[in-house]
Full PDB file with SEQRES, HELIX, SHEET, SSBOND, CRYST1, ORIGX, SCALE, CONECT and MASTER records, all heavy atoms in Angstrom:
SEQRES   1 A   32  ALA HIS TYR PHE GLY ALA ILE PRO ALA VAL VAL ILE GLY          
SEQRES   2 A   32  GLY VAL GLY THR LEU ALA VAL ALA ALA LEU TRP ALA THR          
SEQRES   3 A   32  ALA PHE PRO GLN LEU ARG                                      
HELIX    1 AA1 ALA A    6  ALA A   27  1                                  22    
CRYST1    1.000    1.000    1.000  90.00  90.00  90.00 P 1           1          
ORIGX1      1.000000  0.000000  0.000000        0.00000                         
ORIGX2      0.000000  1.000000  0.000000        0.00000                         
ORIGX3      0.000000  0.000000  1.000000        0.00000                         
SCALE1      1.000000  0.000000  0.000000        0.00000                         
SCALE2      0.000000  1.000000  0.000000        0.00000                         
SCALE3      0.000000  0.000000  1.000000        0.00000                         
ATOM      1  N   ALA A   1       0.830  -1.206   0.000  1.00  0.00           N  
ATOM      2  CA  ALA A   1       0.000   0.000   0.000  1.00  0.00           C  
ATOM      3  C   ALA A   1       0.863   1.255   0.000  1.00  0.00           C  
ATOM      4  O   ALA A   1       0.505   2.270  -0.613  1.00  0.00           O  
ATOM      5  CB  ALA A   1      -0.927  -0.004   1.216  1.00  0.00           C  
ATOM      6  N   HIS A   2       1.998   1.186   0.679  1.00  0.00           N  
ATOM      7  CA  HIS A   2       2.902   2.332   0.740  1.00  0.00           C  
ATOM      8  C   HIS A   2       3.447   2.683  -0.647  1.00  0.00           C  
ATOM      9  O   HIS A   2       3.591   3.855  -0.998  1.00  0.00           O  
ATOM     10  CB  HIS A   2       4.060   2.020   1.696  1.00  0.00           C  
ATOM     11  CG  HIS A   2       5.045   3.133   1.850  1.00  0.00           C  
ATOM     12  ND1 HIS A   2       4.787   4.272   2.585  1.00  0.00           N  
ATOM     13  CD2 HIS A   2       6.305   3.284   1.350  1.00  0.00           C  
ATOM     14  CE1 HIS A   2       5.836   5.079   2.544  1.00  0.00           C  
ATOM     15  NE2 HIS A   2       6.773   4.500   1.801  1.00  0.00           N  
ATOM     16  N   TYR A   3       3.735   1.645  -1.443  1.00  0.00           N  
ATOM     17  CA  TYR A   3       4.355   1.882  -2.749  1.00  0.00           C  
ATOM     18  C   TYR A   3       3.353   1.922  -3.904  1.00  0.00           C  
ATOM     19  O   TYR A   3       3.564   2.643  -4.886  1.00  0.00           O  
ATOM     20  CB  TYR A   3       5.409   0.812  -3.033  1.00  0.00           C  
ATOM     21  CG  TYR A   3       6.631   0.935  -2.156  1.00  0.00           C  
ATOM     22  CD1 TYR A   3       6.840   0.056  -1.096  1.00  0.00           C  
ATOM     23  CD2 TYR A   3       7.571   1.937  -2.365  1.00  0.00           C  
ATOM     24  CE1 TYR A   3       7.958   0.160  -0.282  1.00  0.00           C  
ATOM     25  CE2 TYR A   3       8.688   2.062  -1.550  1.00  0.00           C  
ATOM     26  CZ  TYR A   3       8.874   1.172  -0.508  1.00  0.00           C  
ATOM     27  OH  TYR A   3       9.981   1.304   0.301  1.00  0.00           O  
ATOM     28  N   PHE A   4       2.267   1.146  -3.809  1.00  0.00           N  
ATOM     29  CA  PHE A   4       1.345   1.027  -4.940  1.00  0.00           C  
ATOM     30  C   PHE A   4      -0.066   1.523  -4.643  1.00  0.00           C  
ATOM     31  O   PHE A   4      -0.869   1.669  -5.563  1.00  0.00           O  
ATOM     32  CB  PHE A   4       1.256  -0.436  -5.412  1.00  0.00           C  
ATOM     33  CG  PHE A   4       2.588  -1.054  -5.724  1.00  0.00           C  
ATOM     34  CD1 PHE A   4       3.107  -2.065  -4.940  1.00  0.00           C  
ATOM     35  CD2 PHE A   4       3.343  -0.603  -6.803  1.00  0.00           C  
ATOM     36  CE1 PHE A   4       4.334  -2.635  -5.213  1.00  0.00           C  
ATOM     37  CE2 PHE A   4       4.577  -1.166  -7.093  1.00  0.00           C  
ATOM     38  CZ  PHE A   4       5.085  -2.184  -6.289  1.00  0.00           C  
ATOM     39  N   GLY A   5      -0.386   1.733  -3.370  1.00  0.00           N  
ATOM     40  CA  GLY A   5      -1.727   2.149  -3.006  1.00  0.00           C  
ATOM     41  C   GLY A   5      -2.486   1.015  -2.328  1.00  0.00           C  
ATOM     42  O   GLY A   5      -2.205  -0.170  -2.551  1.00  0.00           O  
ATOM     43  N   ALA A   6      -3.476   1.381  -1.516  1.00  0.00           N  
ATOM     44  CA  ALA A   6      -4.205   0.397  -0.725  1.00  0.00           C  
ATOM     45  C   ALA A   6      -5.046  -0.538  -1.592  1.00  0.00           C  
ATOM     46  O   ALA A   6      -5.100  -1.744  -1.354  1.00  0.00           O  
ATOM     47  CB  ALA A   6      -5.092   1.111   0.303  1.00  0.00           C  
ATOM     48  N   ILE A   7      -5.720   0.002  -2.593  1.00  0.00           N  
ATOM     49  CA  ILE A   7      -6.619  -0.817  -3.418  1.00  0.00           C  
ATOM     50  C   ILE A   7      -5.848  -1.892  -4.190  1.00  0.00           C  
ATOM     51  O   ILE A   7      -6.211  -3.077  -4.141  1.00  0.00           O  
ATOM     52  CB  ILE A   7      -7.451   0.066  -4.359  1.00  0.00           C  
ATOM     53  CG1 ILE A   7      -8.430   0.914  -3.536  1.00  0.00           C  
ATOM     54  CG2 ILE A   7      -8.209  -0.781  -5.369  1.00  0.00           C  
ATOM     55  CD1 ILE A   7      -9.233   1.909  -4.352  1.00  0.00           C  
ATOM     56  N   PRO A   8      -4.758  -1.547  -4.917  1.00  0.00           N  
ATOM     57  CA  PRO A   8      -3.993  -2.603  -5.592  1.00  0.00           C  
ATOM     58  C   PRO A   8      -3.447  -3.650  -4.627  1.00  0.00           C  
ATOM     59  O   PRO A   8      -3.404  -4.844  -4.960  1.00  0.00           O  
ATOM     60  CB  PRO A   8      -2.850  -1.839  -6.272  1.00  0.00           C  
ATOM     61  CG  PRO A   8      -3.383  -0.454  -6.463  1.00  0.00           C  
ATOM     62  CD  PRO A   8      -4.242  -0.210  -5.257  1.00  0.00           C  
ATOM     63  N   ALA A   9      -3.044  -3.231  -3.424  1.00  0.00           N  
ATOM     64  CA  ALA A   9      -2.494  -4.179  -2.447  1.00  0.00           C  
ATOM     65  C   ALA A   9      -3.520  -5.240  -2.073  1.00  0.00           C  
ATOM     66  O   ALA A   9      -3.197  -6.427  -1.976  1.00  0.00           O  
ATOM     67  CB  ALA A   9      -2.023  -3.430  -1.200  1.00  0.00           C  
ATOM     68  N   VAL A  10      -4.780  -4.836  -1.890  1.00  0.00           N  
ATOM     69  CA  VAL A  10      -5.827  -5.775  -1.512  1.00  0.00           C  
ATOM     70  C   VAL A  10      -6.248  -6.637  -2.699  1.00  0.00           C  
ATOM     71  O   VAL A  10      -6.443  -7.854  -2.567  1.00  0.00           O  
ATOM     72  CB  VAL A  10      -7.042  -5.034  -0.912  1.00  0.00           C  
ATOM     73  CG1 VAL A  10      -8.190  -5.999  -0.640  1.00  0.00           C  
ATOM     74  CG2 VAL A  10      -6.639  -4.330   0.377  1.00  0.00           C  
ATOM     75  N   VAL A  11      -6.393  -6.036  -3.867  1.00  0.00           N  
ATOM     76  CA  VAL A  11      -6.827  -6.775  -5.057  1.00  0.00           C  
ATOM     77  C   VAL A  11      -5.807  -7.858  -5.421  1.00  0.00           C  
ATOM     78  O   VAL A  11      -6.183  -9.008  -5.713  1.00  0.00           O  
ATOM     79  CB  VAL A  11      -7.051  -5.820  -6.240  1.00  0.00           C  
ATOM     80  CG1 VAL A  11      -7.248  -6.600  -7.542  1.00  0.00           C  
ATOM     81  CG2 VAL A  11      -8.262  -4.930  -5.974  1.00  0.00           C  
ATOM     82  N   ILE A  12      -4.529  -7.509  -5.404  1.00  0.00           N  
ATOM     83  CA  ILE A  12      -3.485  -8.491  -5.705  1.00  0.00           C  
ATOM     84  C   ILE A  12      -3.535  -9.642  -4.701  1.00  0.00           C  
ATOM     85  O   ILE A  12      -3.394 -10.821  -5.063  1.00  0.00           O  
ATOM     86  CB  ILE A  12      -2.096  -7.825  -5.696  1.00  0.00           C  
ATOM     87  CG1 ILE A  12      -1.973  -6.868  -6.893  1.00  0.00           C  
ATOM     88  CG2 ILE A  12      -0.983  -8.871  -5.730  1.00  0.00           C  
ATOM     89  CD1 ILE A  12      -0.731  -6.001  -6.856  1.00  0.00           C  
ATOM     90  N   GLY A  13      -3.779  -9.317  -3.442  1.00  0.00           N  
ATOM     91  CA  GLY A  13      -3.884 -10.360  -2.425  1.00  0.00           C  
ATOM     92  C   GLY A  13      -5.050 -11.299  -2.662  1.00  0.00           C  
ATOM     93  O   GLY A  13      -4.931 -12.518  -2.492  1.00  0.00           O  
ATOM     94  N   GLY A  14      -6.196 -10.762  -3.071  1.00  0.00           N  
ATOM     95  CA  GLY A  14      -7.359 -11.599  -3.349  1.00  0.00           C  
ATOM     96  C   GLY A  14      -7.123 -12.560  -4.501  1.00  0.00           C  
ATOM     97  O   GLY A  14      -7.459 -13.748  -4.421  1.00  0.00           O  
ATOM     98  N   VAL A  15      -6.535 -12.052  -5.569  1.00  0.00           N  
ATOM     99  CA  VAL A  15      -6.223 -12.902  -6.721  1.00  0.00           C  
ATOM    100  C   VAL A  15      -5.216 -13.975  -6.321  1.00  0.00           C  
ATOM    101  O   VAL A  15      -5.332 -15.151  -6.711  1.00  0.00           O  
ATOM    102  CB  VAL A  15      -5.678 -12.046  -7.885  1.00  0.00           C  
ATOM    103  CG1 VAL A  15      -5.192 -12.934  -9.029  1.00  0.00           C  
ATOM    104  CG2 VAL A  15      -6.751 -11.088  -8.393  1.00  0.00           C  
ATOM    105  N   GLY A  16      -4.228 -13.602  -5.517  1.00  0.00           N  
ATOM    106  CA  GLY A  16      -3.227 -14.557  -5.076  1.00  0.00           C  
ATOM    107  C   GLY A  16      -3.827 -15.668  -4.224  1.00  0.00           C  
ATOM    108  O   GLY A  16      -3.432 -16.833  -4.337  1.00  0.00           O  
ATOM    109  N   THR A  17      -4.790 -15.324  -3.369  1.00  0.00           N  
ATOM    110  CA  THR A  17      -5.442 -16.332  -2.535  1.00  0.00           C  
ATOM    111  C   THR A  17      -6.198 -17.346  -3.381  1.00  0.00           C  
ATOM    112  O   THR A  17      -6.170 -18.555  -3.113  1.00  0.00           O  
ATOM    113  CB  THR A  17      -6.394 -15.658  -1.532  1.00  0.00           C  
ATOM    114  OG1 THR A  17      -5.651 -14.753  -0.716  1.00  0.00           O  
ATOM    115  CG2 THR A  17      -7.069 -16.691  -0.644  1.00  0.00           C  
ATOM    116  N   LEU A  18      -6.896 -16.877  -4.404  1.00  0.00           N  
ATOM    117  CA  LEU A  18      -7.592 -17.786  -5.315  1.00  0.00           C  
ATOM    118  C   LEU A  18      -6.607 -18.734  -5.994  1.00  0.00           C  
ATOM    119  O   LEU A  18      -6.869 -19.937  -6.138  1.00  0.00           O  
ATOM    120  CB  LEU A  18      -8.363 -16.988  -6.364  1.00  0.00           C  
ATOM    121  CG  LEU A  18      -9.608 -16.232  -5.865  1.00  0.00           C  
ATOM    122  CD1 LEU A  18     -10.107 -15.266  -6.935  1.00  0.00           C  
ATOM    123  CD2 LEU A  18     -10.708 -17.214  -5.495  1.00  0.00           C  
ATOM    124  N   ALA A  19      -5.454 -18.201  -6.389  1.00  0.00           N  
ATOM    125  CA  ALA A  19      -4.440 -19.035  -7.037  1.00  0.00           C  
ATOM    126  C   ALA A  19      -3.888 -20.084  -6.074  1.00  0.00           C  
ATOM    127  O   ALA A  19      -3.668 -21.246  -6.450  1.00  0.00           O  
ATOM    128  CB  ALA A  19      -3.306 -18.154  -7.571  1.00  0.00           C  
ATOM    129  N   VAL A  20      -3.670 -19.701  -4.821  1.00  0.00           N  
ATOM    130  CA  VAL A  20      -3.149 -20.635  -3.823  1.00  0.00           C  
ATOM    131  C   VAL A  20      -4.127 -21.786  -3.598  1.00  0.00           C  
ATOM    132  O   VAL A  20      -3.731 -22.954  -3.501  1.00  0.00           O  
ATOM    133  CB  VAL A  20      -2.870 -19.897  -2.500  1.00  0.00           C  
ATOM    134  CG1 VAL A  20      -2.687 -20.887  -1.346  1.00  0.00           C  
ATOM    135  CG2 VAL A  20      -1.616 -19.042  -2.633  1.00  0.00           C  
ATOM    136  N   ALA A  21      -5.425 -21.486  -3.506  1.00  0.00           N  
ATOM    137  CA  ALA A  21      -6.429 -22.537  -3.307  1.00  0.00           C  
ATOM    138  C   ALA A  21      -6.358 -23.565  -4.431  1.00  0.00           C  
ATOM    139  O   ALA A  21      -6.410 -24.781  -4.186  1.00  0.00           O  
ATOM    140  CB  ALA A  21      -7.825 -21.926  -3.220  1.00  0.00           C  
ATOM    141  N   ALA A  22      -6.221 -23.096  -5.670  1.00  0.00           N  
ATOM    142  CA  ALA A  22      -6.155 -24.003  -6.814  1.00  0.00           C  
ATOM    143  C   ALA A  22      -4.865 -24.829  -6.789  1.00  0.00           C  
ATOM    144  O   ALA A  22      -4.875 -26.045  -7.033  1.00  0.00           O  
ATOM    145  CB  ALA A  22      -6.260 -23.212  -8.111  1.00  0.00           C  
ATOM    146  N   LEU A  23      -3.745 -24.172  -6.485  1.00  0.00           N  
ATOM    147  CA  LEU A  23      -2.455 -24.873  -6.469  1.00  0.00           C  
ATOM    148  C   LEU A  23      -2.390 -25.933  -5.374  1.00  0.00           C  
ATOM    149  O   LEU A  23      -1.920 -27.055  -5.597  1.00  0.00           O  
ATOM    150  CB  LEU A  23      -1.322 -23.860  -6.280  1.00  0.00           C  
ATOM    151  CG  LEU A  23      -0.989 -22.974  -7.494  1.00  0.00           C  
ATOM    152  CD1 LEU A  23       0.013 -21.895  -7.107  1.00  0.00           C  
ATOM    153  CD2 LEU A  23      -0.450 -23.815  -8.642  1.00  0.00           C  
ATOM    154  N   TRP A  24      -2.869 -25.599  -4.177  1.00  0.00           N  
ATOM    155  CA  TRP A  24      -2.793 -26.552  -3.059  1.00  0.00           C  
ATOM    156  C   TRP A  24      -3.750 -27.728  -3.265  1.00  0.00           C  
ATOM    157  O   TRP A  24      -3.456 -28.836  -2.847  1.00  0.00           O  
ATOM    158  CB  TRP A  24      -3.089 -25.842  -1.739  1.00  0.00           C  
ATOM    159  CG  TRP A  24      -1.859 -25.559  -0.925  1.00  0.00           C  
ATOM    160  CD1 TRP A  24      -1.534 -26.084   0.291  1.00  0.00           C  
ATOM    161  CD2 TRP A  24      -0.779 -24.682  -1.272  1.00  0.00           C  
ATOM    162  NE1 TRP A  24      -0.325 -25.600   0.727  1.00  0.00           N  
ATOM    163  CE2 TRP A  24       0.168 -24.734  -0.217  1.00  0.00           C  
ATOM    164  CE3 TRP A  24      -0.510 -23.867  -2.366  1.00  0.00           C  
ATOM    165  CZ2 TRP A  24       1.338 -23.989  -0.235  1.00  0.00           C  
ATOM    166  CZ3 TRP A  24       0.663 -23.131  -2.390  1.00  0.00           C  
ATOM    167  CH2 TRP A  24       1.564 -23.206  -1.341  1.00  0.00           C  
ATOM    168  N   ALA A  25      -4.885 -27.489  -3.903  1.00  0.00           N  
ATOM    169  CA  ALA A  25      -5.806 -28.589  -4.185  1.00  0.00           C  
ATOM    170  C   ALA A  25      -5.153 -29.608  -5.111  1.00  0.00           C  
ATOM    171  O   ALA A  25      -5.432 -30.811  -5.042  1.00  0.00           O  
ATOM    172  CB  ALA A  25      -7.091 -28.050  -4.808  1.00  0.00           C  
ATOM    173  N   THR A  26      -4.267 -29.124  -5.973  1.00  0.00           N  
ATOM    174  CA  THR A  26      -3.542 -30.010  -6.884  1.00  0.00           C  
ATOM    175  C   THR A  26      -2.333 -30.657  -6.207  1.00  0.00           C  
ATOM    176  O   THR A  26      -2.065 -31.849  -6.384  1.00  0.00           O  
ATOM    177  CB  THR A  26      -3.071 -29.222  -8.121  1.00  0.00           C  
ATOM    178  OG1 THR A  26      -4.205 -28.615  -8.755  1.00  0.00           O  
ATOM    179  CG2 THR A  26      -2.367 -30.132  -9.110  1.00  0.00           C  
ATOM    180  N   ALA A  27      -1.612 -29.878  -5.387  1.00  0.00           N  
ATOM    181  CA  ALA A  27      -0.364 -30.358  -4.783  1.00  0.00           C  
ATOM    182  C   ALA A  27      -0.592 -31.315  -3.611  1.00  0.00           C  
ATOM    183  O   ALA A  27       0.283 -32.130  -3.299  1.00  0.00           O  
ATOM    184  CB  ALA A  27       0.475 -29.163  -4.323  1.00  0.00           C  
ATOM    185  N   PHE A  28      -1.758 -31.223  -2.934  1.00  0.00           N  
ATOM    186  CA  PHE A  28      -2.032 -32.074  -1.774  1.00  0.00           C  
ATOM    187  C   PHE A  28      -3.327 -32.855  -1.993  1.00  0.00           C  
ATOM    188  O   PHE A  28      -4.357 -32.574  -1.357  1.00  0.00           O  
ATOM    189  CB  PHE A  28      -2.130 -31.233  -0.501  1.00  0.00           C  
ATOM    190  CG  PHE A  28      -0.828 -30.610  -0.081  1.00  0.00           C  
ATOM    191  CD1 PHE A  28      -0.476 -29.341  -0.533  1.00  0.00           C  
ATOM    192  CD2 PHE A  28       0.047 -31.287   0.757  1.00  0.00           C  
ATOM    193  CE1 PHE A  28       0.720 -28.757  -0.153  1.00  0.00           C  
ATOM    194  CE2 PHE A  28       1.246 -30.707   1.146  1.00  0.00           C  
ATOM    195  CZ  PHE A  28       1.589 -29.444   0.686  1.00  0.00           C  
ATOM    196  N   PRO A  29      -3.305 -33.843  -2.886  1.00  0.00           N  
ATOM    197  CA  PRO A  29      -4.532 -34.606  -3.165  1.00  0.00           C  
ATOM    198  C   PRO A  29      -5.056 -35.363  -1.947  1.00  0.00           C  
ATOM    199  O   PRO A  29      -6.270 -35.548  -1.807  1.00  0.00           O  
ATOM    200  CB  PRO A  29      -4.093 -35.572  -4.272  1.00  0.00           C  
ATOM    201  CG  PRO A  29      -2.602 -35.671  -4.149  1.00  0.00           C  
ATOM    202  CD  PRO A  29      -2.155 -34.323  -3.682  1.00  0.00           C  
ATOM    203  N   GLN A  30      -4.156 -35.805  -1.053  1.00  0.00           N  
ATOM    204  CA  GLN A  30      -4.609 -36.515   0.146  1.00  0.00           C  
ATOM    205  C   GLN A  30      -5.456 -35.596   1.024  1.00  0.00           C  
ATOM    206  O   GLN A  30      -6.463 -36.017   1.592  1.00  0.00           O  
ATOM    207  CB  GLN A  30      -3.410 -37.040   0.935  1.00  0.00           C  
ATOM    208  CG  GLN A  30      -3.807 -37.930   2.122  1.00  0.00           C  
ATOM    209  CD  GLN A  30      -2.604 -38.409   2.916  1.00  0.00           C  
ATOM    210  OE1 GLN A  30      -1.478 -38.013   2.649  1.00  0.00           O  
ATOM    211  NE2 GLN A  30      -2.848 -39.255   3.900  1.00  0.00           N  
ATOM    212  N   LEU A  31      -5.055 -34.325   1.116  1.00  0.00           N  
ATOM    213  CA  LEU A  31      -5.832 -33.356   1.884  1.00  0.00           C  
ATOM    214  C   LEU A  31      -7.176 -33.092   1.211  1.00  0.00           C  
ATOM    215  O   LEU A  31      -8.211 -33.009   1.874  1.00  0.00           O  
ATOM    216  CB  LEU A  31      -5.037 -32.049   2.015  1.00  0.00           C  
ATOM    217  CG  LEU A  31      -5.712 -30.889   2.745  1.00  0.00           C  
ATOM    218  CD1 LEU A  31      -6.064 -31.272   4.179  1.00  0.00           C  
ATOM    219  CD2 LEU A  31      -4.808 -29.657   2.724  1.00  0.00           C  
ATOM    220  N   ARG A  32      -7.161 -33.001  -0.103  1.00  0.00           N  
ATOM    221  CA  ARG A  32      -8.408 -32.753  -0.844  1.00  0.00           C  
ATOM    222  C   ARG A  32      -9.383 -33.907  -0.673  1.00  0.00           C  
ATOM    223  O   ARG A  32     -10.600 -33.705  -0.647  1.00  0.00           O  
ATOM    224  CB  ARG A  32      -8.088 -32.544  -2.325  1.00  0.00           C  
ATOM    225  CG  ARG A  32      -9.274 -32.077  -3.161  1.00  0.00           C  
ATOM    226  CD  ARG A  32      -8.911 -31.935  -4.627  1.00  0.00           C  
ATOM    227  NE  ARG A  32      -8.643 -33.210  -5.273  1.00  0.00           N  
ATOM    228  CZ  ARG A  32      -7.466 -33.593  -5.749  1.00  0.00           C  
ATOM    229  NH1 ARG A  32      -6.415 -32.803  -5.649  1.00  0.00           N  
ATOM    230  NH2 ARG A  32      -7.310 -34.777  -6.326  1.00  0.00           N  
TER     231      ARG A  32                                                      
MASTER        0    0    0    1    0    0    0    6  230    1    0    3          
END                                                                             
């Protein structure tokens, strides 16, 4: 937020969380 602004900081985080959910569902099939 200090360098890019508060809104981009939150939006990038939301997109990243969605990506993590997809990646972990693939990487940990036993957990899924």
